């Protein structure tokens, strides 16, 4: 992170978290973490929960999210907020780009970041 404030995509190491699911951990403070996800069509993130609040935005593509058993189709421009501890999953219906913020930052994403 140049000067401790800015992160370019070239500086953020891309990690393949699951087959077809790629993450770059971008700007991070003590309270919040920003991540960019590239998710290939058909890729699935299985049901899970974490202590972190997750707020996201679909930049490109189309996603299906299941949150506490309810299914939502999320399109470009749509956003979502999933409180910590809630079971959720997602599937890419098209190649997609997602921006997610986590609060507090996810320790597992911080250690893989660079």
PDB file of N, CA and C in Angstrom:
ATOM      1  N   UNK A   1       0.854  -1.166   0.000  1.00  0.00           N
ATOM      2  CA  UNK A   1       0.000   0.000   0.000  1.00  0.00           C
ATOM      3  C   UNK A   1       0.900   1.229   0.000  1.00  0.00           C
ATOM      4  N   UNK A   2       0.881   1.963  -1.070  1.00  0.00           N
ATOM      5  CA  UNK A   2       1.713   3.152  -1.194  1.00  0.00           C
ATOM      6  C   UNK A   2       1.300   4.196  -0.162  1.00  0.00           C
ATOM      7  N   UNK A   3       2.250   4.683   0.599  1.00  0.00           N
ATOM      8  CA  UNK A   3       2.016   5.723   1.616  1.00  0.00           C
ATOM      9  C   UNK A   3       0.960   5.327   2.646  1.00  0.00           C
ATOM     10  N   UNK A   4       0.557   4.054   2.690  1.00  0.00           N
ATOM     11  CA  UNK A   4      -0.393   3.595   3.690  1.00  0.00           C
ATOM     12  C   UNK A   4      -1.843   3.940   3.404  1.00  0.00           C
ATOM     13  N   UNK A   5      -2.137   4.607   2.266  1.00  0.00           N
ATOM     14  CA  UNK A   5      -3.512   5.040   2.009  1.00  0.00           C
ATOM     15  C   UNK A   5      -4.113   4.503   0.720  1.00  0.00           C
ATOM     16  N   UNK A   6      -3.308   4.170  -0.276  1.00  0.00           N
ATOM     17  CA  UNK A   6      -3.830   3.815  -1.590  1.00  0.00           C
ATOM     18  C   UNK A   6      -3.312   2.457  -2.033  1.00  0.00           C
ATOM     19  N   UNK A   7      -4.176   1.689  -2.681  1.00  0.00           N
ATOM     20  CA  UNK A   7      -3.802   0.376  -3.203  1.00  0.00           C
ATOM     21  C   UNK A   7      -4.244   0.326  -4.662  1.00  0.00           C
ATOM     22  N   UNK A   8      -3.329   0.034  -5.562  1.00  0.00           N
ATOM     23  CA  UNK A   8      -3.705  -0.147  -6.964  1.00  0.00           C
ATOM     24  C   UNK A   8      -3.943  -1.639  -7.189  1.00  0.00           C
ATOM     25  N   UNK A   9      -4.732  -1.984  -8.203  1.00  0.00           N
ATOM     26  CA  UNK A   9      -4.947  -3.409  -8.499  1.00  0.00           C
ATOM     27  C   UNK A   9      -3.643  -4.146  -8.780  1.00  0.00           C
ATOM     28  N   UNK A  10      -2.650  -3.450  -9.293  1.00  0.00           N
ATOM     29  CA  UNK A  10      -1.364  -4.088  -9.567  1.00  0.00           C
ATOM     30  C   UNK A  10      -0.640  -4.499  -8.289  1.00  0.00           C
ATOM     31  N   UNK A  11      -0.919  -3.830  -7.188  1.00  0.00           N
ATOM     32  CA  UNK A  11      -0.275  -4.129  -5.912  1.00  0.00           C
ATOM     33  C   UNK A  11      -1.004  -5.223  -5.134  1.00  0.00           C
ATOM     34  N   UNK A  12      -2.285  -5.417  -5.422  1.00  0.00           N
ATOM     35  CA  UNK A  12      -3.101  -6.361  -4.661  1.00  0.00           C
ATOM     36  C   UNK A  12      -3.025  -7.740  -5.320  1.00  0.00           C
ATOM     37  N   UNK A  13      -2.483  -8.691  -4.601  1.00  0.00           N
ATOM     38  CA  UNK A  13      -2.327 -10.058  -5.097  1.00  0.00           C
ATOM     39  C   UNK A  13      -3.695 -10.722  -5.246  1.00  0.00           C
ATOM     40  N   UNK A  14      -3.958 -11.314  -6.402  1.00  0.00           N
ATOM     41  CA  UNK A  14      -5.219 -12.012  -6.619  1.00  0.00           C
ATOM     42  C   UNK A  14      -5.096 -13.458  -6.127  1.00  0.00           C
ATOM     43  N   UNK A  15      -6.076 -13.894  -5.350  1.00  0.00           N
ATOM     44  CA  UNK A  15      -6.090 -15.224  -4.761  1.00  0.00           C
ATOM     45  C   UNK A  15      -7.292 -15.989  -5.309  1.00  0.00           C
ATOM     46  N   UNK A  16      -7.068 -17.219  -5.790  1.00  0.00           N
ATOM     47  CA  UNK A  16      -8.204 -18.068  -6.165  1.00  0.00           C
ATOM     48  C   UNK A  16      -8.657 -18.771  -4.892  1.00  0.00           C
ATOM     49  N   UNK A  17      -9.791 -18.329  -4.360  1.00  0.00           N
ATOM     50  CA  UNK A  17     -10.302 -18.840  -3.091  1.00  0.00           C
ATOM     51  C   UNK A  17     -10.967 -20.200  -3.262  1.00  0.00           C
ATOM     52  N   UNK A  18     -11.713 -20.331  -4.329  1.00  0.00           N
ATOM     53  CA  UNK A  18     -12.459 -21.530  -4.685  1.00  0.00           C
ATOM     54  C   UNK A  18     -12.392 -21.628  -6.203  1.00  0.00           C
ATOM     55  N   UNK A  19     -12.722 -22.773  -6.780  1.00  0.00           N
ATOM     56  CA  UNK A  19     -12.714 -22.836  -8.238  1.00  0.00           C
ATOM     57  C   UNK A  19     -13.613 -21.752  -8.850  1.00  0.00           C
ATOM     58  N   UNK A  20     -13.025 -20.882  -9.653  1.00  0.00           N
ATOM     59  CA  UNK A  20     -13.770 -19.822 -10.321  1.00  0.00           C
ATOM     60  C   UNK A  20     -14.055 -18.598  -9.484  1.00  0.00           C
ATOM     61  N   UNK A  21     -13.548 -18.541  -8.252  1.00  0.00           N
ATOM     62  CA  UNK A  21     -13.777 -17.396  -7.358  1.00  0.00           C
ATOM     63  C   UNK A  21     -12.423 -16.783  -7.007  1.00  0.00           C
ATOM     64  N   UNK A  22     -12.205 -15.557  -7.474  1.00  0.00           N
ATOM     65  CA  UNK A  22     -10.925 -14.867  -7.289  1.00  0.00           C
ATOM     66  C   UNK A  22     -11.147 -13.598  -6.467  1.00  0.00           C
ATOM     67  N   UNK A  23     -10.239 -13.336  -5.531  1.00  0.00           N
ATOM     68  CA  UNK A  23     -10.362 -12.164  -4.651  1.00  0.00           C
ATOM     69  C   UNK A  23      -9.074 -11.363  -4.632  1.00  0.00           C
ATOM     70  N   UNK A  24      -9.246 -10.052  -4.606  1.00  0.00           N
ATOM     71  CA  UNK A  24      -8.140  -9.136  -4.305  1.00  0.00           C
ATOM     72  C   UNK A  24      -8.534  -8.362  -3.061  1.00  0.00           C
ATOM     73  N   UNK A  25      -7.705  -8.436  -2.043  1.00  0.00           N
ATOM     74  CA  UNK A  25      -7.931  -7.626  -0.853  1.00  0.00           C
ATOM     75  C   UNK A  25      -7.324  -6.269  -1.126  1.00  0.00           C
ATOM     76  N   UNK A  26      -8.149  -5.248  -1.075  1.00  0.00           N
ATOM     77  CA  UNK A  26      -7.721  -3.898  -1.440  1.00  0.00           C
ATOM     78  C   UNK A  26      -7.496  -3.076  -0.162  1.00  0.00           C
ATOM     79  N   UNK A  27      -8.054  -1.894  -0.086  1.00  0.00           N
ATOM     80  CA  UNK A  27      -7.845  -1.020   1.066  1.00  0.00           C
ATOM     81  C   UNK A  27      -8.392  -1.617   2.347  1.00  0.00           C
ATOM     82  N   UNK A  28      -7.598  -1.498   3.417  1.00  0.00           N
ATOM     83  CA  UNK A  28      -7.983  -2.055   4.708  1.00  0.00           C
ATOM     84  C   UNK A  28      -7.565  -1.104   5.825  1.00  0.00           C
ATOM     85  N   UNK A  29      -8.475  -0.890   6.759  1.00  0.00           N
ATOM     86  CA  UNK A  29      -8.154  -0.146   7.980  1.00  0.00           C
ATOM     87  C   UNK A  29      -8.364  -1.090   9.155  1.00  0.00           C
ATOM     88  N   UNK A  30      -8.251  -0.570  10.365  1.00  0.00           N
ATOM     89  CA  UNK A  30      -8.514  -1.390  11.545  1.00  0.00           C
ATOM     90  C   UNK A  30      -9.981  -1.816  11.633  1.00  0.00           C
ATOM     91  N   UNK A  31     -10.879  -1.063  10.992  1.00  0.00           N
ATOM     92  CA  UNK A  31     -12.315  -1.300  11.118  1.00  0.00           C
ATOM     93  C   UNK A  31     -12.980  -1.884   9.878  1.00  0.00           C
ATOM     94  N   UNK A  32     -12.398  -1.674   8.685  1.00  0.00           N
ATOM     95  CA  UNK A  32     -13.073  -2.046   7.440  1.00  0.00           C
ATOM     96  C   UNK A  32     -12.094  -2.590   6.411  1.00  0.00           C
ATOM     97  N   UNK A  33     -12.561  -3.527   5.603  1.00  0.00           N
ATOM     98  CA  UNK A  33     -11.752  -4.118   4.524  1.00  0.00           C
ATOM     99  C   UNK A  33     -12.568  -4.089   3.234  1.00  0.00           C
ATOM    100  N   UNK A  34     -11.929  -3.691   2.135  1.00  0.00           N
ATOM    101  CA  UNK A  34     -12.554  -3.676   0.823  1.00  0.00           C
ATOM    102  C   UNK A  34     -11.935  -4.775  -0.027  1.00  0.00           C
ATOM    103  N   UNK A  35     -12.779  -5.601  -0.650  1.00  0.00           N
ATOM    104  CA  UNK A  35     -12.309  -6.691  -1.508  1.00  0.00           C
ATOM    105  C   UNK A  35     -13.016  -6.630  -2.846  1.00  0.00           C
ATOM    106  N   UNK A  36     -12.274  -7.011  -3.882  1.00  0.00           N
ATOM    107  CA  UNK A  36     -12.817  -7.111  -5.228  1.00  0.00           C
ATOM    108  C   UNK A  36     -12.849  -8.594  -5.595  1.00  0.00           C
ATOM    109  N   UNK A  37     -14.003  -9.063  -6.064  1.00  0.00           N
ATOM    110  CA  UNK A  37     -14.165 -10.464  -6.436  1.00  0.00           C
ATOM    111  C   UNK A  37     -14.468 -10.591  -7.920  1.00  0.00           C
ATOM    112  N   UNK A  38     -13.803 -11.532  -8.568  1.00  0.00           N
ATOM    113  CA  UNK A  38     -14.094 -11.935  -9.935  1.00  0.00           C
ATOM    114  C   UNK A  38     -14.655 -13.348  -9.822  1.00  0.00           C
ATOM    115  N   UNK A  39     -15.884 -13.543 -10.262  1.00  0.00           N
ATOM    116  CA  UNK A  39     -16.535 -14.835 -10.083  1.00  0.00           C
ATOM    117  C   UNK A  39     -17.003 -15.330 -11.452  1.00  0.00           C
ATOM    118  N   UNK A  40     -16.492 -16.485 -11.849  1.00  0.00           N
ATOM    119  CA  UNK A  40     -16.832 -17.052 -13.151  1.00  0.00           C
ATOM    120  C   UNK A  40     -18.232 -17.665 -13.128  1.00  0.00           C
ATOM    121  N   UNK A  41     -18.899 -17.590 -14.263  1.00  0.00           N
ATOM    122  CA  UNK A  41     -20.241 -18.160 -14.404  1.00  0.00           C
ATOM    123  C   UNK A  41     -20.249 -19.604 -13.896  1.00  0.00           C
ATOM    124  N   UNK A  42     -21.224 -19.911 -13.065  1.00  0.00           N
ATOM    125  CA  UNK A  42     -21.378 -21.257 -12.518  1.00  0.00           C
ATOM    126  C   UNK A  42     -20.621 -21.500 -11.224  1.00  0.00           C
ATOM    127  N   UNK A  43     -19.699 -20.604 -10.856  1.00  0.00           N
ATOM    128  CA  UNK A  43     -18.952 -20.782  -9.607  1.00  0.00           C
ATOM    129  C   UNK A  43     -19.893 -20.599  -8.412  1.00  0.00           C
ATOM    130  N   UNK A  44     -19.645 -21.385  -7.369  1.00  0.00           N
ATOM    131  CA  UNK A  44     -20.515 -21.386  -6.191  1.00  0.00           C
ATOM    132  C   UNK A  44     -19.684 -21.168  -4.938  1.00  0.00           C
ATOM    133  N   UNK A  45     -20.183 -20.314  -4.063  1.00  0.00           N
ATOM    134  CA  UNK A  45     -19.658 -20.183  -2.699  1.00  0.00           C
ATOM    135  C   UNK A  45     -20.690 -20.855  -1.808  1.00  0.00           C
ATOM    136  N   UNK A  46     -20.312 -21.956  -1.190  1.00  0.00           N
ATOM    137  CA  UNK A  46     -21.219 -22.773  -0.387  1.00  0.00           C
ATOM    138  C   UNK A  46     -21.730 -21.996   0.839  1.00  0.00           C
ATOM    139  N   UNK A  47     -22.849 -22.437   1.420  1.00  0.00           N
ATOM    140  CA  UNK A  47     -23.379 -21.767   2.607  1.00  0.00           C
ATOM    141  C   UNK A  47     -22.328 -21.676   3.718  1.00  0.00           C
ATOM    142  N   UNK A  48     -22.232 -20.490   4.296  1.00  0.00           N
ATOM    143  CA  UNK A  48     -21.264 -20.225   5.353  1.00  0.00           C
ATOM    144  C   UNK A  48     -21.720 -18.989   6.125  1.00  0.00           C
ATOM    145  N   UNK A  49     -21.069 -18.742   7.231  1.00  0.00           N
ATOM    146  CA  UNK A  49     -21.276 -17.491   7.967  1.00  0.00           C
ATOM    147  C   UNK A  49     -19.929 -17.078   8.542  1.00  0.00           C
ATOM    148  N   UNK A  50     -19.836 -15.824   8.901  1.00  0.00           N
ATOM    149  CA  UNK A  50     -18.642 -15.272   9.539  1.00  0.00           C
ATOM    150  C   UNK A  50     -19.084 -14.141  10.447  1.00  0.00           C
ATOM    151  N   UNK A  51     -18.221 -13.776  11.354  1.00  0.00           N
ATOM    152  CA  UNK A  51     -18.586 -12.750  12.342  1.00  0.00           C
ATOM    153  C   UNK A  51     -18.669 -11.355  11.731  1.00  0.00           C
ATOM    154  N   UNK A  52     -18.124 -11.183  10.539  1.00  0.00           N
ATOM    155  CA  UNK A  52     -18.003  -9.875   9.910  1.00  0.00           C
ATOM    156  C   UNK A  52     -19.297  -9.476   9.203  1.00  0.00           C
ATOM    157  N   UNK A  53     -19.703  -8.204   9.365  1.00  0.00           N
ATOM    158  CA  UNK A  53     -20.749  -7.657   8.512  1.00  0.00           C
ATOM    159  C   UNK A  53     -20.184  -7.597   7.099  1.00  0.00           C
ATOM    160  N   UNK A  54     -21.028  -7.847   6.101  1.00  0.00           N
ATOM    161  CA  UNK A  54     -20.609  -7.842   4.700  1.00  0.00           C
ATOM    162  C   UNK A  54     -21.580  -6.978   3.909  1.00  0.00           C
ATOM    163  N   UNK A  55     -21.052  -5.945   3.275  1.00  0.00           N
ATOM    164  CA  UNK A  55     -21.860  -5.063   2.445  1.00  0.00           C
ATOM    165  C   UNK A  55     -21.235  -5.079   1.064  1.00  0.00           C
ATOM    166  N   UNK A  56     -22.049  -5.312   0.029  1.00  0.00           N
ATOM    167  CA  UNK A  56     -21.487  -5.459  -1.301  1.00  0.00           C
ATOM    168  C   UNK A  56     -22.279  -4.769  -2.385  1.00  0.00           C
ATOM    169  N   UNK A  57     -21.675  -4.770  -3.574  1.00  0.00           N
ATOM    170  CA  UNK A  57     -22.197  -4.081  -4.743  1.00  0.00           C
ATOM    171  C   UNK A  57     -21.813  -4.881  -5.982  1.00  0.00           C
ATOM    172  N   UNK A  58     -22.764  -5.126  -6.867  1.00  0.00           N
ATOM    173  CA  UNK A  58     -22.481  -5.834  -8.111  1.00  0.00           C
ATOM    174  C   UNK A  58     -22.081  -4.815  -9.170  1.00  0.00           C
ATOM    175  N   UNK A  59     -20.852  -4.930  -9.651  1.00  0.00           N
ATOM    176  CA  UNK A  59     -20.357  -4.027 -10.693  1.00  0.00           C
ATOM    177  C   UNK A  59     -20.782  -4.539 -12.066  1.00  0.00           C
ATOM    178  N   UNK A  60     -20.600  -5.857 -12.273  1.00  0.00           N
ATOM    179  CA  UNK A  60     -20.884  -6.452 -13.578  1.00  0.00           C
ATOM    180  C   UNK A  60     -21.334  -7.897 -13.364  1.00  0.00           C
ATOM    181  N   UNK A  61     -22.235  -8.361 -14.207  1.00  0.00           N
ATOM    182  CA  UNK A  61     -22.666  -9.751 -14.144  1.00  0.00           C
ATOM    183  C   UNK A  61     -24.024  -9.923 -13.516  1.00  0.00           C
ATOM    184  N   UNK A  62     -24.248 -11.113 -12.975  1.00  0.00           N
ATOM    185  CA  UNK A  62     -25.528 -11.446 -12.341  1.00  0.00           C
ATOM    186  C   UNK A  62     -25.260 -12.564 -11.344  1.00  0.00           C
ATOM    187  N   UNK A  63     -25.734 -12.382 -10.126  1.00  0.00           N
ATOM    188  CA  UNK A  63     -25.487 -13.320  -9.035  1.00  0.00           C
ATOM    189  C   UNK A  63     -26.804 -13.772  -8.415  1.00  0.00           C
ATOM    190  N   UNK A  64     -26.776 -14.991  -7.881  1.00  0.00           N
ATOM    191  CA  UNK A  64     -27.886 -15.491  -7.077  1.00  0.00           C
ATOM    192  C   UNK A  64     -27.360 -15.656  -5.657  1.00  0.00           C
ATOM    193  N   UNK A  65     -27.949 -14.935  -4.717  1.00  0.00           N
ATOM    194  CA  UNK A  65     -27.568 -15.035  -3.305  1.00  0.00           C
ATOM    195  C   UNK A  65     -28.691 -15.725  -2.542  1.00  0.00           C
ATOM    196  N   UNK A  66     -28.312 -16.596  -1.632  1.00  0.00           N
ATOM    197  CA  UNK A  66     -29.261 -17.187  -0.697  1.00  0.00           C
ATOM    198  C   UNK A  66     -28.837 -16.738   0.692  1.00  0.00           C
ATOM    199  N   UNK A  67     -29.740 -16.050   1.366  1.00  0.00           N
ATOM    200  CA  UNK A  67     -29.457 -15.507   2.697  1.00  0.00           C
ATOM    201  C   UNK A  67     -30.559 -15.985   3.638  1.00  0.00           C
ATOM    202  N   UNK A  68     -30.168 -16.771   4.645  1.00  0.00           N
ATOM    203  CA  UNK A  68     -31.141 -17.346   5.589  1.00  0.00           C
ATOM    204  C   UNK A  68     -32.262 -18.073   4.860  1.00  0.00           C
ATOM    205  N   UNK A  69     -31.942 -18.750   3.756  1.00  0.00           N
ATOM    206  CA  UNK A  69     -32.929 -19.522   3.019  1.00  0.00           C
ATOM    207  C   UNK A  69     -33.704 -18.753   1.963  1.00  0.00           C
ATOM    208  N   UNK A  70     -33.594 -17.425   1.944  1.00  0.00           N
ATOM    209  CA  UNK A  70     -34.273 -16.613   0.937  1.00  0.00           C
ATOM    210  C   UNK A  70     -33.344 -16.386  -0.248  1.00  0.00           C
ATOM    211  N   UNK A  71     -33.870 -16.520  -1.466  1.00  0.00           N
ATOM    212  CA  UNK A  71     -33.073 -16.398  -2.682  1.00  0.00           C
ATOM    213  C   UNK A  71     -33.310 -15.028  -3.314  1.00  0.00           C
ATOM    214  N   UNK A  72     -32.215 -14.382  -3.699  1.00  0.00           N
ATOM    215  CA  UNK A  72     -32.257 -13.070  -4.335  1.00  0.00           C
ATOM    216  C   UNK A  72     -31.402 -13.097  -5.596  1.00  0.00           C
ATOM    217  N   UNK A  73     -31.890 -12.510  -6.684  1.00  0.00           N
ATOM    218  CA  UNK A  73     -31.104 -12.313  -7.895  1.00  0.00           C
ATOM    219  C   UNK A  73     -30.576 -10.882  -7.834  1.00  0.00           C
ATOM    220  N   UNK A  74     -29.261 -10.748  -8.001  1.00  0.00           N
ATOM    221  CA  UNK A  74     -28.606  -9.451  -7.833  1.00  0.00           C
ATOM    222  C   UNK A  74     -27.937  -9.080  -9.158  1.00  0.00           C
ATOM    223  N   UNK A  75     -28.278  -7.903  -9.681  1.00  0.00           N
ATOM    224  CA  UNK A  75     -27.824  -7.411 -10.975  1.00  0.00           C
ATOM    225  C   UNK A  75     -26.876  -6.226 -10.813  1.00  0.00           C
ATOM    226  N   UNK A  76     -26.224  -5.807 -11.892  1.00  0.00           N
ATOM    227  CA  UNK A  76     -25.336  -4.639 -11.796  1.00  0.00           C
ATOM    228  C   UNK A  76     -26.065  -3.428 -11.205  1.00  0.00           C
ATOM    229  N   UNK A  77     -25.402  -2.794 -10.261  1.00  0.00           N
ATOM    230  CA  UNK A  77     -25.978  -1.641  -9.578  1.00  0.00           C
ATOM    231  C   UNK A  77     -26.691  -1.996  -8.292  1.00  0.00           C
ATOM    232  N   UNK A  78     -27.032  -3.281  -8.108  1.00  0.00           N
ATOM    233  CA  UNK A  78     -27.696  -3.711  -6.873  1.00  0.00           C
ATOM    234  C   UNK A  78     -26.655  -3.860  -5.764  1.00  0.00           C
ATOM    235  N   UNK A  79     -27.084  -3.618  -4.538  1.00  0.00           N
ATOM    236  CA  UNK A  79     -26.212  -3.809  -3.380  1.00  0.00           C
ATOM    237  C   UNK A  79     -26.927  -4.674  -2.359  1.00  0.00           C
ATOM    238  N   UNK A  80     -26.174  -5.092  -1.365  1.00  0.00           N
ATOM    239  CA  UNK A  80     -26.717  -5.970  -0.335  1.00  0.00           C
ATOM    240  C   UNK A  80     -25.946  -5.732   0.960  1.00  0.00           C
ATOM    241  N   UNK A  81     -26.566  -6.112   2.060  1.00  0.00           N
ATOM    242  CA  UNK A  81     -25.939  -6.017   3.381  1.00  0.00           C
ATOM    243  C   UNK A  81     -26.311  -7.279   4.155  1.00  0.00           C
ATOM    244  N   UNK A  82     -25.280  -8.014   4.581  1.00  0.00           N
ATOM    245  CA  UNK A  82     -25.483  -9.266   5.298  1.00  0.00           C
ATOM    246  C   UNK A  82     -24.815  -9.138   6.667  1.00  0.00           C
ATOM    247  N   UNK A  83     -25.599  -9.088   7.735  1.00  0.00           N
ATOM    248  CA  UNK A  83     -25.006  -8.968   9.068  1.00  0.00           C
ATOM    249  C   UNK A  83     -24.149 -10.187   9.415  1.00  0.00           C
ATOM    250  N   UNK A  84     -23.165  -9.981  10.250  1.00  0.00           N
ATOM    251  CA  UNK A  84     -22.330 -11.077  10.721  1.00  0.00           C
ATOM    252  C   UNK A  84     -23.182 -12.170  11.361  1.00  0.00           C
ATOM    253  N   UNK A  85     -22.763 -13.426  11.184  1.00  0.00           N
ATOM    254  CA  UNK A  85     -23.448 -14.553  11.789  1.00  0.00           C
ATOM    255  C   UNK A  85     -24.591 -15.129  10.963  1.00  0.00           C
ATOM    256  N   UNK A  86     -24.953 -14.477   9.859  1.00  0.00           N
ATOM    257  CA  UNK A  86     -26.056 -14.947   9.016  1.00  0.00           C
ATOM    258  C   UNK A  86     -25.516 -15.932   7.967  1.00  0.00           C
ATOM    259  N   UNK A  87     -26.185 -17.067   7.804  1.00  0.00           N
ATOM    260  CA  UNK A  87     -25.765 -18.050   6.797  1.00  0.00           C
ATOM    261  C   UNK A  87     -26.158 -17.540   5.415  1.00  0.00           C
ATOM    262  N   UNK A  88     -25.181 -17.587   4.497  1.00  0.00           N
ATOM    263  CA  UNK A  88     -25.416 -17.122   3.133  1.00  0.00           C
ATOM    264  C   UNK A  88     -24.527 -17.878   2.155  1.00  0.00           C
ATOM    265  N   UNK A  89     -24.931 -17.853   0.887  1.00  0.00           N
ATOM    266  CA  UNK A  89     -24.175 -18.484  -0.192  1.00  0.00           C
ATOM    267  C   UNK A  89     -24.449 -17.702  -1.463  1.00  0.00           C
ATOM    268  N   UNK A  90     -23.686 -18.001  -2.517  1.00  0.00           N
ATOM    269  CA  UNK A  90     -23.955 -17.339  -3.786  1.00  0.00           C
ATOM    270  C   UNK A  90     -23.497 -18.209  -4.949  1.00  0.00           C
ATOM    271  N   UNK A  91     -24.070 -17.911  -6.111  1.00  0.00           N
ATOM    272  CA  UNK A  91     -23.723 -18.584  -7.360  1.00  0.00           C
ATOM    273  C   UNK A  91     -23.703 -17.525  -8.450  1.00  0.00           C
ATOM    274  N   UNK A  92     -22.675 -17.557  -9.292  1.00  0.00           N
ATOM    275  CA  UNK A  92     -22.587 -16.621 -10.406  1.00  0.00           C
ATOM    276  C   UNK A  92     -23.435 -17.137 -11.559  1.00  0.00           C
ATOM    277  N   UNK A  93     -24.424 -16.361 -11.975  1.00  0.00           N
ATOM    278  CA  UNK A  93     -25.255 -16.712 -13.115  1.00  0.00           C
ATOM    279  C   UNK A  93     -24.604 -16.245 -14.418  1.00  0.00           C
ATOM    280  N   UNK A  94     -23.677 -15.298 -14.300  1.00  0.00           N
ATOM    281  CA  UNK A  94     -22.852 -14.793 -15.404  1.00  0.00           C
ATOM    282  C   UNK A  94     -21.487 -14.491 -14.807  1.00  0.00           C
ATOM    283  N   UNK A  95     -20.454 -14.348 -15.645  1.00  0.00           N
ATOM    284  CA  UNK A  95     -19.183 -13.841 -15.132  1.00  0.00           C
ATOM    285  C   UNK A  95     -19.483 -12.530 -14.423  1.00  0.00           C
ATOM    286  N   UNK A  96     -18.975 -12.351 -13.204  1.00  0.00           N
ATOM    287  CA  UNK A  96     -19.370 -11.211 -12.381  1.00  0.00           C
ATOM    288  C   UNK A  96     -18.179 -10.572 -11.690  1.00  0.00           C
ATOM    289  N   UNK A  97     -18.331  -9.282 -11.417  1.00  0.00           N
ATOM    290  CA  UNK A  97     -17.387  -8.532 -10.597  1.00  0.00           C
ATOM    291  C   UNK A  97     -18.187  -7.950  -9.440  1.00  0.00           C
ATOM    292  N   UNK A  98     -17.719  -8.241  -8.229  1.00  0.00           N
ATOM    293  CA  UNK A  98     -18.400  -7.835  -7.001  1.00  0.00           C
ATOM    294  C   UNK A  98     -17.409  -7.062  -6.135  1.00  0.00           C
ATOM    295  N   UNK A  99     -17.883  -6.025  -5.471  1.00  0.00           N
ATOM    296  CA  UNK A  99     -17.096  -5.313  -4.472  1.00  0.00           C
ATOM    297  C   UNK A  99     -17.750  -5.578  -3.120  1.00  0.00           C
ATOM    298  N   UNK A 100     -16.966  -6.069  -2.153  1.00  0.00           N
ATOM    299  CA  UNK A 100     -17.474  -6.329  -0.802  1.00  0.00           C
ATOM    300  C   UNK A 100     -16.635  -5.586   0.220  1.00  0.00           C
ATOM    301  N   UNK A 101     -17.318  -5.069   1.227  1.00  0.00           N
ATOM    302  CA  UNK A 101     -16.657  -4.485   2.401  1.00  0.00           C
ATOM    303  C   UNK A 101     -16.988  -5.372   3.591  1.00  0.00           C
ATOM    304  N   UNK A 102     -15.993  -5.605   4.431  1.00  0.00           N
ATOM    305  CA  UNK A 102     -16.166  -6.413   5.638  1.00  0.00           C
ATOM    306  C   UNK A 102     -15.781  -5.576   6.852  1.00  0.00           C
ATOM    307  N   UNK A 103     -16.618  -5.669   7.885  1.00  0.00           N
ATOM    308  CA  UNK A 103     -16.306  -4.981   9.127  1.00  0.00           C
ATOM    309  C   UNK A 103     -16.684  -5.894  10.283  1.00  0.00           C
ATOM    310  N   UNK A 104     -15.745  -6.182  11.178  1.00  0.00           N
ATOM    311  CA  UNK A 104     -14.324  -5.825  11.088  1.00  0.00           C
ATOM    312  C   UNK A 104     -13.667  -6.574   9.925  1.00  0.00           C
ATOM    313  N   UNK A 105     -12.446  -6.185   9.552  1.00  0.00           N
ATOM    314  CA  UNK A 105     -11.743  -6.882   8.475  1.00  0.00           C
ATOM    315  C   UNK A 105     -11.629  -8.374   8.764  1.00  0.00           C
ATOM    316  N   UNK A 106     -11.647  -9.164   7.719  1.00  0.00           N
ATOM    317  CA  UNK A 106     -11.488 -10.619   7.861  1.00  0.00           C
ATOM    318  C   UNK A 106     -10.014 -10.949   7.998  1.00  0.00           C
ATOM    319  N   UNK A 107      -9.656 -11.573   9.097  1.00  0.00           N
ATOM    320  CA  UNK A 107      -8.256 -11.947   9.316  1.00  0.00           C
ATOM    321  C   UNK A 107      -7.767 -12.918   8.253  1.00  0.00           C
ATOM    322  N   UNK A 108      -8.637 -13.857   7.824  1.00  0.00           N
ATOM    323  CA  UNK A 108      -8.211 -14.831   6.816  1.00  0.00           C
ATOM    324  C   UNK A 108      -7.927 -14.167   5.466  1.00  0.00           C
ATOM    325  N   UNK A 109      -8.596 -13.066   5.156  1.00  0.00           N
ATOM    326  CA  UNK A 109      -8.328 -12.368   3.902  1.00  0.00           C
ATOM    327  C   UNK A 109      -7.111 -11.464   4.023  1.00  0.00           C
ATOM    328  N   UNK A 110      -6.843 -10.992   5.207  1.00  0.00           N
ATOM    329  CA  UNK A 110      -5.679 -10.128   5.426  1.00  0.00           C
ATOM    330  C   UNK A 110      -4.372 -10.911   5.240  1.00  0.00           C
ATOM    331  N   UNK A 111      -4.308 -12.118   5.762  1.00  0.00           N
ATOM    332  CA  UNK A 111      -3.077 -12.897   5.699  1.00  0.00           C
ATOM    333  C   UNK A 111      -2.788 -13.396   4.293  1.00  0.00           C
ATOM    334  N   UNK A 112      -3.820 -13.558   3.454  1.00  0.00           N
ATOM    335  CA  UNK A 112      -3.613 -13.993   2.084  1.00  0.00           C
ATOM    336  C   UNK A 112      -3.372 -12.833   1.137  1.00  0.00           C
ATOM    337  N   UNK A 113      -3.512 -11.616   1.620  1.00  0.00           N
ATOM    338  CA  UNK A 113      -3.570 -10.451   0.729  1.00  0.00           C
ATOM    339  C   UNK A 113      -2.302 -10.235  -0.079  1.00  0.00           C
ATOM    340  N   UNK A 114      -1.133 -10.467   0.479  1.00  0.00           N
ATOM    341  CA  UNK A 114       0.093 -10.134  -0.249  1.00  0.00           C
ATOM    342  C   UNK A 114       1.125 -11.188  -0.053  1.00  0.00           C
TER     343      UNK A 114
END
